[in-house]
Amino acid sequence: MSLRLLNPLFATVLLAACASSPTVDAEREPDEVAEIDPLLADEDIPHVVVAEAFTTLPAPEDNIDSPASWRAPDGSRWLLATAKTTDALVLYDGATGERLRTFGGPGTGPGKMDRPNGIAVIDDLVMVVERDNRRVQVFGLPGLESLATFGDAELQQPYGLWVRRLGDGYEVIVSDNYMSPEDEDLPPPLAQLDHRFRRYALEPQGGRWTARLSGTFGATDAAGAVRIAESVFGDEAHDRLLLSEEDVAVGTRLREYGLDGRYRGRDVGAGLFKAQAEGMALFACDDGSGYWLATDQFKDRSLFHVFDRVNLAHVGAFAGQRTANTDGVWLDMSADARFPEGVFYAVDDDQGVSAFDWRDIARALSLKGCAG
């Protein structure tokens, strides 16, 4: 989502308040409150420039938020992205950026969407967070048939998600950026942030997928609370969740939690992020090494910070030649002829998606590959 705070991670959804009954402005989000757009050109932040492998043709009418990718049985790479304004999923060729088709459309029924935001692909499933339907919808691949929806009983303003395998199914963690009941432009009081994130167990049952709420979490102390929430990503090997704090009023950064949902007393990137901490991705090697990538959402050119996977030390940062105002990102480490060492996708200014060849990123920042 676009974060320009006063704003959230997925936060960019502000509400226009009427004197008698407040209503949501669908084009504005909670993280979009800065009076002056933050520009990388105005900051003295050391970084390297990495040329994009491609950027999809701009489609401003879509209002693209987040990407994800999938490898089809024939070896082709599908790039999918959520389109918030047209209420759809856009499918691109992941090797070239060619736009292939769209799926969905506005509505509340199976296969329809209302302001889709976060997206994740795991195995042959794609999961999409719909902010205004207040739910997560599960689609099967390659047919993109709707298999299940969940969360509408408790989600209020969902944005992002992270999914991992658990037992015979999956655990899905969803960020819920509900705002203050007194002022929808402000985060709730700290004491009300204990369910900023919701866990769901998605399980196969009788040939269908069923989901149940399995827990909620969120720190309620000033140090660990997430005021404006959107992006969430986990690392099972290191028992770690990183959560984007998009509230620039308290200092945008990544908060480190354990997989148990407890704040660990450490933040990542405090003082480094100058615009708004946004989408994250993990370059994960089997031996536990690797790198975190996290977005700083400048309006002119997005900056992507790189942190060591193990100790979270800052390694460096890169920007593209043109990619800007990035909400969601996705890292696909699988190899093909076009991207032999994987590809990093980043949304470009709400209008499309850019691709970066991982070899170019690794070369520019002297990053190590995975052993073997």
Protein backbone atom coordinates (compact mmCIF):
# COMPACT_ATOMS: atom_id res chain seq x y z
CA MET A 1 0.00 0.00 0.00
CA SER A 2 1.26 3.51 -0.26
CA LEU A 3 2.59 4.88 2.88
CA ARG A 4 3.04 8.51 3.33
CA LEU A 5 2.37 9.19 6.94
CA LEU A 6 0.97 10.73 8.91
CA ASN A 7 0.09 6.67 7.47
CA PRO A 8 0.03 2.40 8.03
CA LEU A 9 1.89 -1.00 6.21
CA PHE A 10 -0.28 -1.55 4.69
CA ALA A 11 -1.62 1.77 5.85
CA THR A 12 -2.88 4.10 3.29
CA VAL A 13 -6.50 4.13 4.01
CA LEU A 14 -7.84 7.26 5.59
CA LEU A 15 -11.33 7.96 6.51
CA ALA A 16 -13.20 11.13 5.75
CA ALA A 17 -15.22 12.06 8.76
CA CYS A 18 -18.67 13.51 8.52
CA ALA A 19 -20.09 15.44 11.42
CA SER A 20 -22.66 12.78 12.14
CA SER A 21 -21.34 9.56 10.59
CA PRO A 22 -17.72 8.98 9.58
CA THR A 23 -17.15 7.15 6.30
CA VAL A 24 -14.08 5.57 4.77
CA ASP A 25 -12.38 7.36 1.93
CA ALA A 26 -11.44 4.34 -0.20
CA GLU A 27 -8.65 6.21 -1.94
CA ARG A 28 -6.88 7.29 1.24
CA GLU A 29 -5.27 5.13 3.85
CA PRO A 30 -4.21 5.54 7.47
CA ASP A 31 -0.56 5.78 6.61
CA GLU A 32 -1.08 8.61 4.14
CA VAL A 33 -0.90 11.71 6.22
CA ALA A 34 2.35 13.43 5.38
CA GLU A 35 1.84 16.98 4.20
CA ILE A 36 5.07 16.86 2.17
CA ASP A 37 5.99 13.81 0.11
CA PRO A 38 9.28 12.28 1.29
CA LEU A 39 11.87 12.20 -1.51
CA LEU A 40 15.03 10.13 -1.68
CA ALA A 41 16.63 13.02 -3.56
CA ASP A 42 16.33 15.13 -0.42
CA GLU A 43 18.11 12.58 1.79
CA ASP A 44 21.80 11.80 2.08
CA ILE A 45 21.44 8.03 2.38
CA PRO A 46 24.27 5.85 1.05
CA HIS A 47 22.96 3.40 -1.53
CA VAL A 48 23.73 1.82 -4.87
CA VAL A 49 21.59 1.97 -7.99
CA VAL A 50 20.46 -1.30 -9.55
CA ALA A 51 18.80 -1.16 -12.95
CA GLU A 52 15.41 -2.80 -13.27
CA ALA A 53 15.22 -5.91 -15.45
CA PHE A 54 11.80 -4.63 -16.51
CA THR A 55 8.89 -2.53 -15.33
CA THR A 56 5.39 -3.44 -16.46
CA LEU A 57 3.48 -0.92 -18.55
CA PRO A 58 1.81 1.64 -16.28
CA ALA A 59 -1.87 1.16 -15.51
CA PRO A 60 -2.75 3.91 -13.00
CA GLU A 61 -6.41 2.92 -13.07
CA ASP A 62 -5.54 -0.35 -11.29
CA ASN A 63 -3.86 1.12 -8.19
CA ILE A 64 -1.47 -1.82 -7.81
CA ASP A 65 -0.49 -2.63 -4.23
CA SER A 66 1.38 -5.92 -3.77
CA PRO A 67 2.94 -8.66 -5.94
CA ALA A 68 3.56 -12.39 -5.59
CA SER A 69 4.78 -15.07 -7.99
CA TRP A 70 4.21 -18.74 -8.77
CA ARG A 71 5.93 -21.32 -10.93
CA ALA A 72 3.52 -23.09 -13.26
CA PRO A 73 3.86 -26.79 -14.12
CA ASP A 74 5.37 -25.86 -17.50
CA GLY A 75 8.13 -23.90 -15.75
CA SER A 76 6.82 -20.45 -16.58
CA ARG A 77 6.80 -17.82 -13.85
CA TRP A 78 3.51 -16.09 -13.11
CA LEU A 79 3.56 -12.65 -11.54
CA LEU A 80 0.33 -11.68 -9.79
CA ALA A 81 -0.50 -8.30 -8.28
CA THR A 82 -3.44 -6.90 -6.36
CA ALA A 83 -5.31 -3.99 -7.96
CA LYS A 84 -7.10 -1.99 -5.26
CA THR A 85 -9.25 0.25 -7.42
CA THR A 86 -10.37 -2.30 -10.02
CA ASP A 87 -10.84 -4.99 -7.33
CA ALA A 88 -8.88 -7.58 -9.25
CA LEU A 89 -5.74 -9.65 -9.56
CA VAL A 90 -3.53 -8.75 -12.50
CA LEU A 91 -1.50 -11.56 -14.05
CA TYR A 92 1.79 -10.79 -15.80
CA ASP A 93 4.48 -12.91 -17.41
CA GLY A 94 7.06 -13.03 -14.63
CA ALA A 95 9.96 -13.18 -17.09
CA THR A 96 9.01 -10.26 -19.32
CA GLY A 97 6.40 -8.21 -17.48
CA GLU A 98 3.85 -8.63 -20.26
CA ARG A 99 0.32 -8.20 -18.96
CA LEU A 100 -1.66 -11.38 -19.64
CA ARG A 101 -5.09 -10.99 -18.04
CA THR A 102 -7.05 -10.02 -14.94
CA PHE A 103 -9.20 -12.01 -12.53
CA GLY A 104 -11.91 -11.05 -10.08
CA GLY A 105 -13.82 -7.80 -10.15
CA PRO A 106 -15.88 -5.94 -7.56
CA GLY A 107 -18.25 -7.82 -5.30
CA THR A 108 -18.63 -9.91 -2.18
CA GLY A 109 -19.16 -13.39 -3.58
CA PRO A 110 -16.56 -16.09 -4.26
CA GLY A 111 -13.99 -14.89 -6.76
CA LYS A 112 -14.99 -11.24 -6.33
CA MET A 113 -12.99 -8.70 -4.33
CA ASP A 114 -13.25 -5.34 -2.60
CA ARG A 115 -9.98 -3.41 -2.38
CA PRO A 116 -7.52 -6.33 -2.42
CA ASN A 117 -4.26 -5.44 -0.71
CA GLY A 118 -1.79 -8.01 0.63
CA ILE A 119 -1.08 -11.20 -1.33
CA ALA A 120 0.92 -14.36 -0.68
CA VAL A 121 1.57 -17.50 -2.69
CA ILE A 122 2.41 -20.83 -1.07
CA ASP A 123 2.42 -24.18 -2.85
CA ASP A 124 -0.53 -24.03 -5.28
CA LEU A 125 -2.54 -21.47 -3.31
CA VAL A 126 -2.73 -17.70 -3.51
CA MET A 127 -4.18 -15.78 -0.57
CA VAL A 128 -5.46 -12.23 -0.91
CA VAL A 129 -6.38 -9.79 1.86
CA GLU A 130 -9.44 -7.70 0.97
CA ARG A 131 -9.55 -4.59 3.07
CA ASP A 132 -13.13 -3.58 2.40
CA ASN A 133 -14.60 -7.09 2.39
CA ARG A 134 -12.72 -7.53 5.68
CA ARG A 135 -11.53 -11.00 4.79
CA VAL A 136 -8.86 -13.22 3.27
CA GLN A 137 -9.76 -15.12 0.11
CA VAL A 138 -7.96 -18.30 -0.97
CA PHE A 139 -7.61 -19.14 -4.66
CA GLY A 140 -6.30 -22.31 -6.27
CA LEU A 141 -3.59 -22.28 -8.92
CA PRO A 142 -3.48 -22.42 -11.88
CA GLY A 143 -7.24 -21.98 -12.30
CA LEU A 144 -7.63 -19.17 -9.74
CA GLU A 145 -10.87 -20.69 -8.51
CA SER A 146 -12.05 -19.40 -5.14
CA LEU A 147 -11.54 -22.12 -2.52
CA ALA A 148 -12.35 -20.36 0.76
CA THR A 149 -12.82 -17.04 2.52
CA PHE A 150 -12.20 -16.32 6.18
CA GLY A 151 -11.75 -13.58 8.76
CA ASP A 152 -14.86 -11.52 8.02
CA ALA A 153 -16.23 -12.16 11.51
CA GLU A 154 -13.40 -10.34 13.25
CA LEU A 155 -11.16 -8.45 10.80
CA GLN A 156 -11.82 -4.71 10.73
CA GLN A 157 -9.26 -3.16 8.39
CA PRO A 158 -6.90 -5.91 7.21
CA TYR A 159 -3.89 -5.18 5.02
CA GLY A 160 -1.00 -7.62 5.00
CA LEU A 161 -0.35 -11.29 5.63
CA TRP A 162 2.34 -13.91 6.04
CA VAL A 163 1.73 -17.62 5.52
CA ARG A 164 3.66 -20.70 6.64
CA ARG A 165 3.04 -24.43 6.47
CA LEU A 166 1.74 -25.88 9.72
CA GLY A 167 0.68 -29.50 10.12
CA ASP A 168 -1.48 -30.55 7.19
CA GLY A 169 -2.35 -26.95 6.43
CA TYR A 170 -1.13 -23.42 7.00
CA GLU A 171 -0.92 -20.68 9.57
CA VAL A 172 -1.91 -17.27 8.23
CA ILE A 173 -0.99 -14.12 10.17
CA VAL A 174 -2.98 -11.04 9.11
CA SER A 175 -2.33 -7.42 10.11
CA ASP A 176 -5.49 -5.57 11.15
CA ASN A 177 -5.10 -1.80 11.04
CA TYR A 178 -8.30 -0.79 12.84
CA MET A 179 -8.20 2.83 13.95
CA SER A 180 -9.38 4.74 17.00
CA PRO A 181 -13.14 4.50 17.65
CA GLU A 182 -13.08 8.22 18.52
CA ASP A 183 -11.01 9.41 15.53
CA GLU A 184 -10.57 7.22 12.46
CA ASP A 185 -7.52 9.24 11.44
CA LEU A 186 -5.62 8.13 14.55
CA PRO A 187 -4.37 4.80 15.89
CA PRO A 188 -6.26 3.37 18.86
CA PRO A 189 -5.02 3.80 22.43
CA LEU A 190 -2.13 1.46 23.24
CA ALA A 191 -4.31 -0.76 25.40
CA GLN A 192 -6.45 -1.61 22.35
CA LEU A 193 -3.56 -2.83 20.17
CA ASP A 194 -3.45 -6.35 21.61
CA HIS A 195 -5.13 -7.79 18.50
CA ARG A 196 -3.22 -5.84 15.84
CA PHE A 197 -2.35 -9.22 14.32
CA ARG A 198 -4.63 -12.23 13.99
CA ARG A 199 -3.66 -15.87 13.47
CA TYR A 200 -5.72 -18.29 11.45
CA ALA A 201 -5.37 -22.03 11.01
CA LEU A 202 -6.22 -22.99 7.44
CA GLU A 203 -6.79 -26.73 7.20
CA PRO A 204 -8.07 -29.27 4.66
CA GLN A 205 -11.31 -30.91 5.73
CA GLY A 206 -13.45 -33.20 3.63
CA GLY A 207 -11.95 -32.02 0.37
CA ARG A 208 -12.39 -28.35 1.29
CA TRP A 209 -10.36 -25.70 3.06
CA THR A 210 -11.64 -24.42 6.40
CA ALA A 211 -10.18 -21.70 8.59
CA ARG A 212 -10.50 -20.78 12.25
CA LEU A 213 -9.15 -17.93 14.33
CA SER A 214 -6.40 -19.45 16.46
CA GLY A 215 -5.13 -16.36 18.29
CA THR A 216 -4.37 -12.66 18.30
CA PHE A 217 -1.37 -10.66 19.40
CA GLY A 218 0.11 -7.19 19.63
CA ALA A 219 2.18 -5.37 22.22
CA THR A 220 0.38 -2.71 24.24
CA ASP A 221 3.43 -0.94 25.67
CA ALA A 222 4.87 2.17 24.05
CA ALA A 223 8.09 0.44 23.02
CA GLY A 224 6.64 -2.58 21.24
CA ALA A 225 3.20 -1.54 19.99
CA VAL A 226 2.55 -1.27 16.25
CA ARG A 227 0.42 1.85 15.77
CA ILE A 228 0.09 1.66 11.98
CA ALA A 229 0.29 -1.92 10.72
CA GLU A 230 0.53 -3.39 7.26
CA SER A 231 3.50 -5.60 6.35
CA VAL A 232 4.33 -8.72 8.29
CA PHE A 233 6.87 -11.40 7.42
CA GLY A 234 8.36 -14.33 9.29
CA ASP A 235 11.50 -16.45 9.49
CA GLU A 236 10.85 -19.84 11.04
CA ALA A 237 14.52 -20.81 11.20
CA HIS A 238 15.20 -17.89 13.54
CA ASP A 239 11.82 -17.85 15.33
CA ARG A 240 11.27 -14.29 14.14
CA LEU A 241 8.52 -12.02 12.89
CA LEU A 242 9.28 -8.57 11.51
CA LEU A 243 6.39 -6.11 11.58
CA SER A 244 6.43 -2.75 9.80
CA GLU A 245 5.65 0.20 12.04
CA GLU A 246 4.48 2.82 9.59
CA ASP A 247 3.66 5.55 12.06
CA VAL A 248 6.26 8.24 11.39
CA ALA A 249 5.10 10.16 14.45
CA VAL A 250 6.76 7.59 16.71
CA GLY A 251 9.45 6.64 14.19
CA THR A 252 8.93 4.24 11.30
CA ARG A 253 10.90 1.00 11.63
CA LEU A 254 10.58 -2.78 11.82
CA ARG A 255 9.64 -4.31 15.15
CA GLU A 256 11.02 -7.73 15.99
CA TYR A 257 8.59 -10.21 17.53
CA GLY A 258 8.93 -13.93 18.08
CA LEU A 259 6.68 -16.40 16.31
CA ASP A 260 4.87 -16.58 19.65
CA GLY A 261 3.69 -13.01 19.06
CA ARG A 262 5.78 -11.43 21.81
CA TYR A 263 7.81 -8.27 21.25
CA ARG A 264 11.51 -9.00 21.70
CA GLY A 265 12.55 -5.53 22.73
CA ARG A 266 14.45 -4.83 19.53
CA ASP A 267 13.67 -2.70 16.50
CA VAL A 268 15.33 -2.87 13.10
CA GLY A 269 16.12 0.17 11.00
CA ALA A 270 15.26 2.84 13.56
CA GLY A 271 16.78 6.00 12.15
CA LEU A 272 17.47 4.34 8.79
CA PHE A 273 13.91 4.48 7.47
CA LYS A 274 13.12 8.09 6.57
CA ALA A 275 9.91 7.81 4.55
CA GLN A 276 7.92 4.77 5.65
CA ALA A 277 8.86 1.17 6.32
CA GLU A 278 6.86 -0.96 3.91
CA GLY A 279 7.04 -4.34 2.15
CA MET A 280 9.54 -7.00 3.23
CA ALA A 281 11.07 -10.12 1.73
CA LEU A 282 13.51 -12.78 2.92
CA PHE A 283 16.42 -14.32 1.00
CA ALA A 284 16.61 -17.55 2.97
CA CYS A 285 19.36 -20.15 2.64
CA ASP A 286 18.95 -23.67 4.03
CA ASP A 287 21.87 -23.18 6.43
CA GLY A 288 20.08 -20.26 8.15
CA SER A 289 22.05 -17.51 6.45
CA GLY A 290 20.59 -14.95 4.09
CA TYR A 291 19.20 -11.43 3.97
CA TRP A 292 16.11 -9.42 4.80
CA LEU A 293 14.97 -6.78 2.31
CA ALA A 294 12.72 -3.96 3.51
CA THR A 295 11.26 -1.02 1.64
CA ASP A 296 11.51 2.68 2.49
CA GLN A 297 8.65 4.21 0.52
CA PHE A 298 10.02 7.41 -0.97
CA LYS A 299 7.79 9.04 -3.56
CA ASP A 300 10.48 9.66 -6.18
CA ARG A 301 12.48 6.40 -5.88
CA SER A 302 11.98 3.63 -3.38
CA LEU A 303 14.93 2.57 -1.26
CA PHE A 304 15.42 -1.09 -0.36
CA HIS A 305 17.42 -1.74 2.79
CA VAL A 306 19.23 -5.06 3.20
CA PHE A 307 19.84 -6.63 6.63
CA ASP A 308 21.72 -9.76 7.66
CA ARG A 309 19.27 -12.59 8.26
CA VAL A 310 20.96 -13.85 11.42
CA ASN A 311 21.90 -10.74 13.41
CA LEU A 312 19.78 -8.14 11.56
CA ALA A 313 22.81 -5.90 11.00
CA HIS A 314 22.40 -3.38 8.19
CA VAL A 315 24.31 -4.52 5.10
CA GLY A 316 23.47 -1.79 2.61
CA ALA A 317 20.72 -0.32 0.46
CA PHE A 318 19.79 -0.05 -3.19
CA ALA A 319 17.32 1.80 -5.37
CA GLY A 320 16.20 1.25 -8.92
CA GLN A 321 16.59 3.74 -11.71
CA ARG A 322 12.87 4.57 -11.64
CA THR A 323 10.90 2.35 -9.25
CA ALA A 324 9.05 4.57 -6.78
CA ASN A 325 6.46 4.71 -4.03
CA THR A 326 6.60 0.97 -3.40
CA ASP A 327 4.07 -0.78 -1.22
CA GLY A 328 4.46 -4.54 -1.57
CA VAL A 329 7.48 -6.59 -2.65
CA TRP A 330 8.10 -10.28 -3.34
CA LEU A 331 11.30 -12.33 -3.65
CA ASP A 332 11.24 -15.50 -5.77
CA MET A 333 14.47 -17.46 -5.30
CA SER A 334 13.64 -20.12 -7.89
CA ALA A 335 15.77 -20.23 -11.04
CA ASP A 336 14.80 -20.03 -14.69
CA ALA A 337 16.52 -18.99 -17.90
CA ARG A 338 15.67 -15.31 -17.42
CA PHE A 339 16.53 -15.13 -13.71
CA PRO A 340 19.03 -17.92 -12.94
CA GLU A 341 19.43 -16.83 -9.30
CA GLY A 342 15.94 -15.51 -8.66
CA VAL A 343 14.08 -12.23 -8.97
CA PHE A 344 12.92 -9.45 -6.65
CA TYR A 345 9.61 -7.80 -7.55
CA ALA A 346 8.58 -4.35 -6.27
CA VAL A 347 5.45 -2.33 -6.98
CA ASP A 348 6.14 0.83 -8.97
CA ASP A 349 4.15 3.93 -7.98
CA ASP A 350 0.77 2.14 -7.71
CA GLN A 351 0.81 1.57 -11.49
CA GLY A 352 2.75 -1.63 -12.12
CA VAL A 353 5.56 -3.88 -10.96
CA SER A 354 9.33 -3.74 -11.44
CA ALA A 355 11.62 -6.76 -11.52
CA PHE A 356 15.23 -6.83 -10.33
CA ASP A 357 17.56 -9.68 -11.25
CA TRP A 358 18.94 -11.03 -7.97
CA ARG A 359 22.38 -11.32 -9.57
CA ASP A 360 22.43 -7.56 -10.09
CA ILE A 361 21.44 -6.87 -6.48
CA ALA A 362 23.98 -9.34 -5.10
CA ARG A 363 26.77 -7.96 -7.28
CA ALA A 364 26.04 -4.35 -6.37
CA LEU A 365 26.04 -5.02 -2.61
CA SER A 366 28.55 -7.92 -2.54
CA LEU A 367 25.94 -10.28 -1.09
CA LYS A 368 26.75 -13.94 -0.60
CA GLY A 369 24.75 -16.67 -2.27
CA CYS A 370 23.49 -19.86 -0.68
CA ALA A 371 26.06 -22.63 -0.25
CA GLY A 372 25.61 -25.58 -2.58
